[in-house]
Every structure is written in structure tokens, then in C-alpha cells.
């Protein structure tokens, strides 16, 4: 058993060395371009991603979910995301990128391919300000799909899997899914949560605007 483990150590060292070497040679901008333009990409599942990449997606991007992904050999990962934002359910989001070790890659603000704007300090002006909602849904809820059918889901995981399956079966559909109102939400503020019944998308947007205002106020303070 011990000998079989040692057989894989050289491959592990090669993988880690390649990841570090690529990061040293290329800026995030250049690496993203290389991944996008790579001729050979291998389709992957979300479970194939490095642990750091999985943690980034679950902790830093809670309003998007994995749709499909690919690995560009010796470069990194390109992940196609879909939105779980209440107002854009199932709509395609911006792709995200990771290096081989699972560190998220960011565009430098104003970057163009002809520019040489790698940031030597590792700071990326293109990093998105991802704001988390002040509230979350009470399940179960019903979702209306673009074809007019409705499905009932018991938690966020089931909602995401249902949306992922439907859009995979209907890849050319660009329309969003939507919540079936009324729904109940829990507003979270200073470790306290308050339950609200929301009767329409207009009311939901009002809550979202209130959330954005409170987040901006916290940021200023």
C-alpha cells in the first residue's frame, strides 16, 4: 500500500511545480487569455475542481452556481456560471477562472491583450465586489421555468440542481426562471433575523434596494 502511494508522489510534485511556475511567468490577465484560447480543453465536473476553487465558489459567489467547466492543460480552469440571484434565476453569469491550484484569477481593470499591465504586488483592480444578500428564502418554494411549468423545491441545493438540469436540457433558452409568489424571507441584521412575507417581485426588489443601502452604509462606516 505504501509503495503504491509513493508511485503518485512524482505526479503530485509535477502538478504543484507546474501551477507555481505558470503563476510566476504569467499575470492573471495573460493566464485567463491563455485558458480562453487554449485549443484543447477537457470537460470537468464541479467535483473535479481543487478544494480552494470549491470554497471560493460556495463562500464568495453564493448567488451563482456551476453550470459547466473545462480544464486547459497546464494552465487552469474556465467555469461557466449561472445566476441564482432572485431576479435572474438560471441566466448565464460571467465565467470565472482558476489556476491549477484553485486560486481565482481576476482581470486587471482596463486590461487589453496588447497591454502589459501585470500587477507585481498581486493586487487586481478587476476583482469584483461581491455583496451578499441581507436575507434568504424560507423553503419550500416554487419556481416557474421559462416554458411556463412550475417545480417545487425544498432547499437551495435542490433548486440549483433543478435549474441546472432544466437549462442543460434546454441550452438555447436565454429567458430566466422566476419565483412563484408569495414567498417568505428571513432578513438578517446584526445576528438577528426577522421573517417577512413577500407578495410580489416588486416587493422583493424593494427589499433588495433596502439591503443594498444597508450594505453601502456598513461599507462607509
C-alpha atoms as a PDB file:
ATOM      1  CA  UNK A   1       0.000   0.000   0.000  1.00  0.00           C
ATOM      2  CA  UNK A   2       2.817   2.372   0.967  1.00  0.00           C
ATOM      3  CA  UNK A   3       4.643   1.684  -2.304  1.00  0.00           C
ATOM      4  CA  UNK A   4       1.515   2.465  -4.340  1.00  0.00           C
ATOM      5  CA  UNK A   5       1.220   5.848  -2.635  1.00  0.00           C
ATOM      6  CA  UNK A   6       4.843   6.687  -3.405  1.00  0.00           C
ATOM      7  CA  UNK A   7       4.164   5.989  -7.085  1.00  0.00           C
ATOM      8  CA  UNK A   8       1.877   9.038  -7.256  1.00  0.00           C
ATOM      9  CA  UNK A   9       4.214  11.442  -5.462  1.00  0.00           C
ATOM     10  CA  UNK A  10       6.189  12.403  -8.607  1.00  0.00           C
ATOM     11  CA  UNK A  11       2.935  13.280 -10.404  1.00  0.00           C
ATOM     12  CA  UNK A  12       1.856  15.424  -7.453  1.00  0.00           C
ATOM     13  CA  UNK A  13       5.179  17.294  -7.434  1.00  0.00           C
ATOM     14  CA  UNK A  14       4.943  17.886 -11.194  1.00  0.00           C
ATOM     15  CA  UNK A  15       1.396  19.255 -10.816  1.00  0.00           C
ATOM     16  CA  UNK A  16       2.384  21.633  -7.996  1.00  0.00           C
ATOM     17  CA  UNK A  17       5.546  22.736  -9.802  1.00  0.00           C
ATOM     18  CA  UNK A  18       3.603  23.458 -12.993  1.00  0.00           C
ATOM     19  CA  UNK A  19       0.985  25.502 -11.116  1.00  0.00           C
ATOM     20  CA  UNK A  20       3.632  27.610  -9.351  1.00  0.00           C
ATOM     21  CA  UNK A  21       5.705  28.026 -12.496  1.00  0.00           C
ATOM     22  CA  UNK A  22       2.704  29.225 -14.534  1.00  0.00           C
ATOM     23  CA  UNK A  23       1.807  31.786 -11.856  1.00  0.00           C
ATOM     24  CA  UNK A  24       5.382  33.095 -11.782  1.00  0.00           C
ATOM     25  CA  UNK A  25       5.589  33.510 -15.552  1.00  0.00           C
ATOM     26  CA  UNK A  26       2.121  34.839 -16.403  1.00  0.00           C
ATOM     27  CA  UNK A  27      -0.082  37.540 -14.930  1.00  0.00           C
ATOM     28  CA  UNK A  28      -3.730  36.733 -14.181  1.00  0.00           C
ATOM     29  CA  UNK A  29      -4.768  38.591 -17.335  1.00  0.00           C
ATOM     30  CA  UNK A  30      -2.374  36.590 -19.513  1.00  0.00           C
ATOM     31  CA  UNK A  31      -3.337  33.302 -17.882  1.00  0.00           C
ATOM     32  CA  UNK A  32      -7.054  33.957 -18.404  1.00  0.00           C
ATOM     33  CA  UNK A  33      -6.400  34.731 -22.087  1.00  0.00           C
ATOM     34  CA  UNK A  34      -4.368  31.544 -22.432  1.00  0.00           C
ATOM     35  CA  UNK A  35      -7.141  29.450 -20.854  1.00  0.00           C
ATOM     36  CA  UNK A  36      -9.839  31.018 -23.050  1.00  0.00           C
ATOM     37  CA  UNK A  37      -7.809  30.489 -26.235  1.00  0.00           C
ATOM     38  CA  UNK A  38      -6.498  27.006 -25.407  1.00  0.00           C
ATOM     39  CA  UNK A  39      -7.174  24.578 -28.267  1.00  0.00           C
ATOM     40  CA  UNK A  40      -7.532  21.528 -26.052  1.00  0.00           C
ATOM     41  CA  UNK A  41      -9.844  21.646 -23.051  1.00  0.00           C
ATOM     42  CA  UNK A  42     -11.128  18.716 -21.014  1.00  0.00           C
ATOM     43  CA  UNK A  43     -14.708  18.904 -19.688  1.00  0.00           C
ATOM     44  CA  UNK A  44     -14.873  18.648 -15.893  1.00  0.00           C
ATOM     45  CA  UNK A  45     -17.432  18.302 -13.128  1.00  0.00           C
ATOM     46  CA  UNK A  46     -17.640  20.610 -10.140  1.00  0.00           C
ATOM     47  CA  UNK A  47     -16.235  17.790  -8.004  1.00  0.00           C
ATOM     48  CA  UNK A  48     -13.064  17.789 -10.133  1.00  0.00           C
ATOM     49  CA  UNK A  49     -12.092  21.300  -9.002  1.00  0.00           C
ATOM     50  CA  UNK A  50      -9.369  21.903  -6.397  1.00  0.00           C
ATOM     51  CA  UNK A  51     -10.619  22.468  -2.853  1.00  0.00           C
ATOM     52  CA  UNK A  52      -9.711  26.177  -2.870  1.00  0.00           C
ATOM     53  CA  UNK A  53     -11.804  26.699  -6.007  1.00  0.00           C
ATOM     54  CA  UNK A  54     -14.798  24.913  -4.471  1.00  0.00           C
ATOM     55  CA  UNK A  55     -14.526  27.029  -1.318  1.00  0.00           C
ATOM     56  CA  UNK A  56     -14.353  30.241  -3.350  1.00  0.00           C
ATOM     57  CA  UNK A  57     -17.497  29.325  -5.263  1.00  0.00           C
ATOM     58  CA  UNK A  58     -19.503  28.402  -2.159  1.00  0.00           C
ATOM     59  CA  UNK A  59     -18.296  31.224   0.111  1.00  0.00           C
ATOM     60  CA  UNK A  60     -17.591  34.168  -2.228  1.00  0.00           C
ATOM     61  CA  UNK A  61     -20.095  33.583  -5.037  1.00  0.00           C
ATOM     62  CA  UNK A  62     -23.281  32.432  -3.258  1.00  0.00           C
ATOM     63  CA  UNK A  63     -25.614  33.896  -5.896  1.00  0.00           C
ATOM     64  CA  UNK A  64     -24.114  31.944  -8.810  1.00  0.00           C
ATOM     65  CA  UNK A  65     -23.786  28.217  -9.409  1.00  0.00           C
ATOM     66  CA  UNK A  66     -21.621  25.898 -11.511  1.00  0.00           C
ATOM     67  CA  UNK A  67     -23.091  25.174 -14.934  1.00  0.00           C
ATOM     68  CA  UNK A  68     -20.214  23.501 -16.742  1.00  0.00           C
ATOM     69  CA  UNK A  69     -16.453  23.726 -16.731  1.00  0.00           C
ATOM     70  CA  UNK A  70     -13.285  22.811 -18.556  1.00  0.00           C
ATOM     71  CA  UNK A  71      -9.592  22.338 -17.793  1.00  0.00           C
ATOM     72  CA  UNK A  72      -6.918  23.755 -20.074  1.00  0.00           C
ATOM     73  CA  UNK A  73      -3.897  21.512 -19.551  1.00  0.00           C
ATOM     74  CA  UNK A  74      -1.032  23.119 -17.590  1.00  0.00           C
ATOM     75  CA  UNK A  75      -2.961  26.409 -17.433  1.00  0.00           C
ATOM     76  CA  UNK A  76      -6.150  26.347 -15.368  1.00  0.00           C
ATOM     77  CA  UNK A  77      -9.920  26.137 -15.244  1.00  0.00           C
ATOM     78  CA  UNK A  78     -12.710  28.014 -17.023  1.00  0.00           C
ATOM     79  CA  UNK A  79     -16.099  27.745 -15.306  1.00  0.00           C
ATOM     80  CA  UNK A  80     -19.399  28.736 -16.908  1.00  0.00           C
ATOM     81  CA  UNK A  81     -21.726  30.024 -14.200  1.00  0.00           C
ATOM     82  CA  UNK A  82     -25.464  30.628 -13.950  1.00  0.00           C
ATOM     83  CA  UNK A  83     -27.197  33.052 -11.627  1.00  0.00           C
ATOM     84  CA  UNK A  84     -29.153  32.170  -8.507  1.00  0.00           C
ATOM     85  CA  UNK A  85     -29.995  35.827  -7.988  1.00  0.00           C
ATOM     86  CA  UNK A  86     -33.707  36.098  -7.217  1.00  0.00           C
ATOM     87  CA  UNK A  87     -34.273  38.347 -10.256  1.00  0.00           C
ATOM     88  CA  UNK A  88     -32.139  36.417 -12.769  1.00  0.00           C
ATOM     89  CA  UNK A  89     -32.680  32.761 -11.879  1.00  0.00           C
ATOM     90  CA  UNK A  90     -30.847  30.497 -14.309  1.00  0.00           C
ATOM     91  CA  UNK A  91     -29.448  33.278 -16.507  1.00  0.00           C
ATOM     92  CA  UNK A  92     -25.828  32.857 -17.623  1.00  0.00           C
ATOM     93  CA  UNK A  93     -23.361  34.789 -15.483  1.00  0.00           C
ATOM     94  CA  UNK A  94     -19.773  35.817 -16.173  1.00  0.00           C
ATOM     95  CA  UNK A  95     -17.294  32.975 -16.467  1.00  0.00           C
ATOM     96  CA  UNK A  96     -14.812  32.594 -13.631  1.00  0.00           C
ATOM     97  CA  UNK A  97     -11.263  31.274 -13.854  1.00  0.00           C
ATOM     98  CA  UNK A  98      -8.888  29.428 -11.534  1.00  0.00           C
ATOM     99  CA  UNK A  99      -5.251  28.453 -11.801  1.00  0.00           C
ATOM    100  CA  UNK A 100      -4.278  24.806 -11.379  1.00  0.00           C
ATOM    101  CA  UNK A 101      -4.084  25.062  -7.591  1.00  0.00           C
ATOM    102  CA  UNK A 102      -7.556  26.630  -7.327  1.00  0.00           C
ATOM    103  CA  UNK A 103      -6.712  30.314  -6.842  1.00  0.00           C
ATOM    104  CA  UNK A 104      -9.284  32.535  -8.559  1.00  0.00           C
ATOM    105  CA  UNK A 105      -7.915  34.677 -11.389  1.00  0.00           C
ATOM    106  CA  UNK A 106      -9.003  38.289 -11.863  1.00  0.00           C
ATOM    107  CA  UNK A 107      -8.853  40.716 -14.743  1.00  0.00           C
ATOM    108  CA  UNK A 108      -6.999  43.961 -14.173  1.00  0.00           C
ATOM    109  CA  UNK A 109      -9.355  46.893 -14.662  1.00  0.00           C
ATOM    110  CA  UNK A 110      -8.999  48.289 -18.171  1.00  0.00           C
ATOM    111  CA  UNK A 111      -6.846  45.368 -19.325  1.00  0.00           C
ATOM    112  CA  UNK A 112      -6.413  44.785 -23.064  1.00  0.00           C
ATOM    113  CA  UNK A 113      -4.477  41.953 -24.658  1.00  0.00           C
ATOM    114  CA  UNK A 114      -1.938  44.389 -26.095  1.00  0.00           C
ATOM    115  CA  UNK A 115      -1.332  45.956 -22.679  1.00  0.00           C
ATOM    116  CA  UNK A 116       1.421  44.844 -20.327  1.00  0.00           C
ATOM    117  CA  UNK A 117      -0.330  45.536 -17.041  1.00  0.00           C
ATOM    118  CA  UNK A 118       0.513  42.673 -14.736  1.00  0.00           C
ATOM    119  CA  UNK A 119       0.344  43.772 -11.111  1.00  0.00           C
ATOM    120  CA  UNK A 120       3.593  42.897  -9.377  1.00  0.00           C
ATOM    121  CA  UNK A 121       2.003  43.253  -5.925  1.00  0.00           C
ATOM    122  CA  UNK A 122      -0.692  40.731  -6.772  1.00  0.00           C
ATOM    123  CA  UNK A 123      -3.486  43.287  -6.419  1.00  0.00           C
ATOM    124  CA  UNK A 124      -6.220  43.060  -9.013  1.00  0.00           C
ATOM    125  CA  UNK A 125      -8.357  46.076  -9.699  1.00  0.00           C
ATOM    126  CA  UNK A 126     -10.701  43.799 -11.629  1.00  0.00           C
ATOM    127  CA  UNK A 127     -11.734  41.821  -8.556  1.00  0.00           C
ATOM    128  CA  UNK A 128     -15.485  42.039  -8.196  1.00  0.00           C
ATOM    129  CA  UNK A 129     -17.202  43.449  -5.153  1.00  0.00           C
ATOM    130  CA  UNK A 130     -19.494  40.520  -4.395  1.00  0.00           C
ATOM    131  CA  UNK A 131     -22.164  41.611  -1.981  1.00  0.00           C
ATOM    132  CA  UNK A 132     -24.131  39.016  -0.087  1.00  0.00           C
ATOM    133  CA  UNK A 133     -27.869  39.439   0.404  1.00  0.00           C
ATOM    134  CA  UNK A 134     -29.259  40.612   3.724  1.00  0.00           C
ATOM    135  CA  UNK A 135     -31.967  37.983   3.521  1.00  0.00           C
ATOM    136  CA  UNK A 136     -32.583  34.409   2.490  1.00  0.00           C
ATOM    137  CA  UNK A 137     -35.572  32.378   1.370  1.00  0.00           C
ATOM    138  CA  UNK A 138     -37.688  30.140   3.505  1.00  0.00           C
ATOM    139  CA  UNK A 139     -38.172  26.800   1.747  1.00  0.00           C
ATOM    140  CA  UNK A 140     -40.021  25.075   0.213  1.00  0.00           C
ATOM    141  CA  UNK A 141     -40.679  27.452  -2.694  1.00  0.00           C
ATOM    142  CA  UNK A 142     -41.973  27.015  -6.224  1.00  0.00           C
ATOM    143  CA  UNK A 143     -40.076  28.093  -9.327  1.00  0.00           C
ATOM    144  CA  UNK A 144     -41.637  28.937 -12.674  1.00  0.00           C
ATOM    145  CA  UNK A 145     -39.431  27.793 -15.552  1.00  0.00           C
ATOM    146  CA  UNK A 146     -39.191  29.641 -18.882  1.00  0.00           C
ATOM    147  CA  UNK A 147     -41.585  27.191 -20.536  1.00  0.00           C
ATOM    148  CA  UNK A 148     -44.313  28.024 -18.018  1.00  0.00           C
ATOM    149  CA  UNK A 149     -44.046  24.843 -15.956  1.00  0.00           C
ATOM    150  CA  UNK A 150     -43.533  25.029 -12.189  1.00  0.00           C
ATOM    151  CA  UNK A 151     -41.470  22.930  -9.825  1.00  0.00           C
ATOM    152  CA  UNK A 152     -41.450  22.803  -6.036  1.00  0.00           C
ATOM    153  CA  UNK A 153     -38.051  22.690  -4.314  1.00  0.00           C
ATOM    154  CA  UNK A 154     -37.286  22.003  -0.672  1.00  0.00           C
ATOM    155  CA  UNK A 155     -33.922  23.767  -0.319  1.00  0.00           C
ATOM    156  CA  UNK A 156     -31.342  25.804  -2.213  1.00  0.00           C
ATOM    157  CA  UNK A 157     -29.388  22.728  -3.304  1.00  0.00           C
ATOM    158  CA  UNK A 158     -32.491  21.159  -4.867  1.00  0.00           C
ATOM    159  CA  UNK A 159     -33.356  24.473  -6.557  1.00  0.00           C
ATOM    160  CA  UNK A 160     -29.901  24.732  -8.108  1.00  0.00           C
ATOM    161  CA  UNK A 161     -29.894  21.113  -9.285  1.00  0.00           C
ATOM    162  CA  UNK A 162     -33.353  21.560 -10.831  1.00  0.00           C
ATOM    163  CA  UNK A 163     -32.313  24.729 -12.670  1.00  0.00           C
ATOM    164  CA  UNK A 164     -29.052  23.151 -13.800  1.00  0.00           C
ATOM    165  CA  UNK A 165     -30.882  20.107 -15.184  1.00  0.00           C
ATOM    166  CA  UNK A 166     -33.528  22.168 -16.973  1.00  0.00           C
ATOM    167  CA  UNK A 167     -31.061  24.526 -18.686  1.00  0.00           C
ATOM    168  CA  UNK A 168     -28.847  21.595 -19.635  1.00  0.00           C
ATOM    169  CA  UNK A 169     -31.841  20.061 -21.419  1.00  0.00           C
ATOM    170  CA  UNK A 170     -32.703  23.453 -22.963  1.00  0.00           C
ATOM    171  CA  UNK A 171     -29.292  25.010 -23.728  1.00  0.00           C
ATOM    172  CA  UNK A 172     -30.584  27.602 -26.203  1.00  0.00           C
ATOM    173  CA  UNK A 173     -33.085  29.164 -23.824  1.00  0.00           C
ATOM    174  CA  UNK A 174     -31.938  32.581 -22.536  1.00  0.00           C
ATOM    175  CA  UNK A 175     -35.029  33.521 -20.540  1.00  0.00           C
ATOM    176  CA  UNK A 176     -34.842  33.424 -16.751  1.00  0.00           C
ATOM    177  CA  UNK A 177     -36.799  31.314 -14.319  1.00  0.00           C
ATOM    178  CA  UNK A 178     -38.675  33.100 -11.531  1.00  0.00           C
ATOM    179  CA  UNK A 179     -40.021  32.669  -8.044  1.00  0.00           C
ATOM    180  CA  UNK A 180     -43.710  31.944  -7.610  1.00  0.00           C
ATOM    181  CA  UNK A 181     -45.049  34.493  -5.128  1.00  0.00           C
ATOM    182  CA  UNK A 182     -45.912  34.825  -2.334  1.00  0.00           C
ATOM    183  CA  UNK A 183     -42.726  33.693  -0.586  1.00  0.00           C
ATOM    184  CA  UNK A 184     -41.323  34.160   2.901  1.00  0.00           C
ATOM    185  CA  UNK A 185     -37.850  35.523   3.583  1.00  0.00           C
ATOM    186  CA  UNK A 186     -35.690  35.987   6.662  1.00  0.00           C
ATOM    187  CA  UNK A 187     -33.987  39.368   6.967  1.00  0.00           C
ATOM    188  CA  UNK A 188     -30.667  39.022   8.820  1.00  0.00           C
ATOM    189  CA  UNK A 189     -29.154  42.018  10.593  1.00  0.00           C
ATOM    190  CA  UNK A 190     -26.666  42.011  13.477  1.00  0.00           C
ATOM    191  CA  UNK A 191     -27.200  38.286  14.076  1.00  0.00           C
ATOM    192  CA  UNK A 192     -30.952  38.807  14.364  1.00  0.00           C
ATOM    193  CA  UNK A 193     -33.410  37.532  11.788  1.00  0.00           C
ATOM    194  CA  UNK A 194     -36.918  38.757  11.036  1.00  0.00           C
ATOM    195  CA  UNK A 195     -39.456  36.937   8.893  1.00  0.00           C
ATOM    196  CA  UNK A 196     -41.305  38.790   6.110  1.00  0.00           C
ATOM    197  CA  UNK A 197     -43.978  37.612   3.705  1.00  0.00           C
ATOM    198  CA  UNK A 198     -43.278  38.930   0.201  1.00  0.00           C
ATOM    199  CA  UNK A 199     -46.266  39.160  -2.125  1.00  0.00           C
ATOM    200  CA  UNK A 200     -44.628  40.131  -5.424  1.00  0.00           C
ATOM    201  CA  UNK A 201     -41.383  40.689  -7.303  1.00  0.00           C
ATOM    202  CA  UNK A 202     -41.849  44.437  -6.788  1.00  0.00           C
ATOM    203  CA  UNK A 203     -41.774  43.937  -3.016  1.00  0.00           C
ATOM    204  CA  UNK A 204     -38.713  41.708  -3.388  1.00  0.00           C
ATOM    205  CA  UNK A 205     -36.937  44.445  -5.352  1.00  0.00           C
ATOM    206  CA  UNK A 206     -37.772  46.949  -2.625  1.00  0.00           C
ATOM    207  CA  UNK A 207     -36.145  44.649  -0.071  1.00  0.00           C
ATOM    208  CA  UNK A 208     -33.128  44.220  -2.329  1.00  0.00           C
ATOM    209  CA  UNK A 209     -32.775  48.010  -2.605  1.00  0.00           C
ATOM    210  CA  UNK A 210     -33.001  48.294   1.178  1.00  0.00           C
ATOM    211  CA  UNK A 211     -30.341  45.597   1.506  1.00  0.00           C
ATOM    212  CA  UNK A 212     -28.014  47.389  -0.900  1.00  0.00           C
ATOM    213  CA  UNK A 213     -28.454  50.623   1.029  1.00  0.00           C
ATOM    214  CA  UNK A 214     -27.609  48.997   4.350  1.00  0.00           C
ATOM    215  CA  UNK A 215     -24.533  47.289   2.872  1.00  0.00           C
ATOM    216  CA  UNK A 216     -23.294  50.579   1.408  1.00  0.00           C
ATOM    217  CA  UNK A 217     -23.800  52.244   4.792  1.00  0.00           C
ATOM    218  CA  UNK A 218     -21.784  49.495   6.541  1.00  0.00           C
ATOM    219  CA  UNK A 219     -19.009  49.922   3.979  1.00  0.00           C
ATOM    220  CA  UNK A 220     -18.790  53.681   4.642  1.00  0.00           C
ATOM    221  CA  UNK A 221     -18.658  53.121   8.377  1.00  0.00           C
END
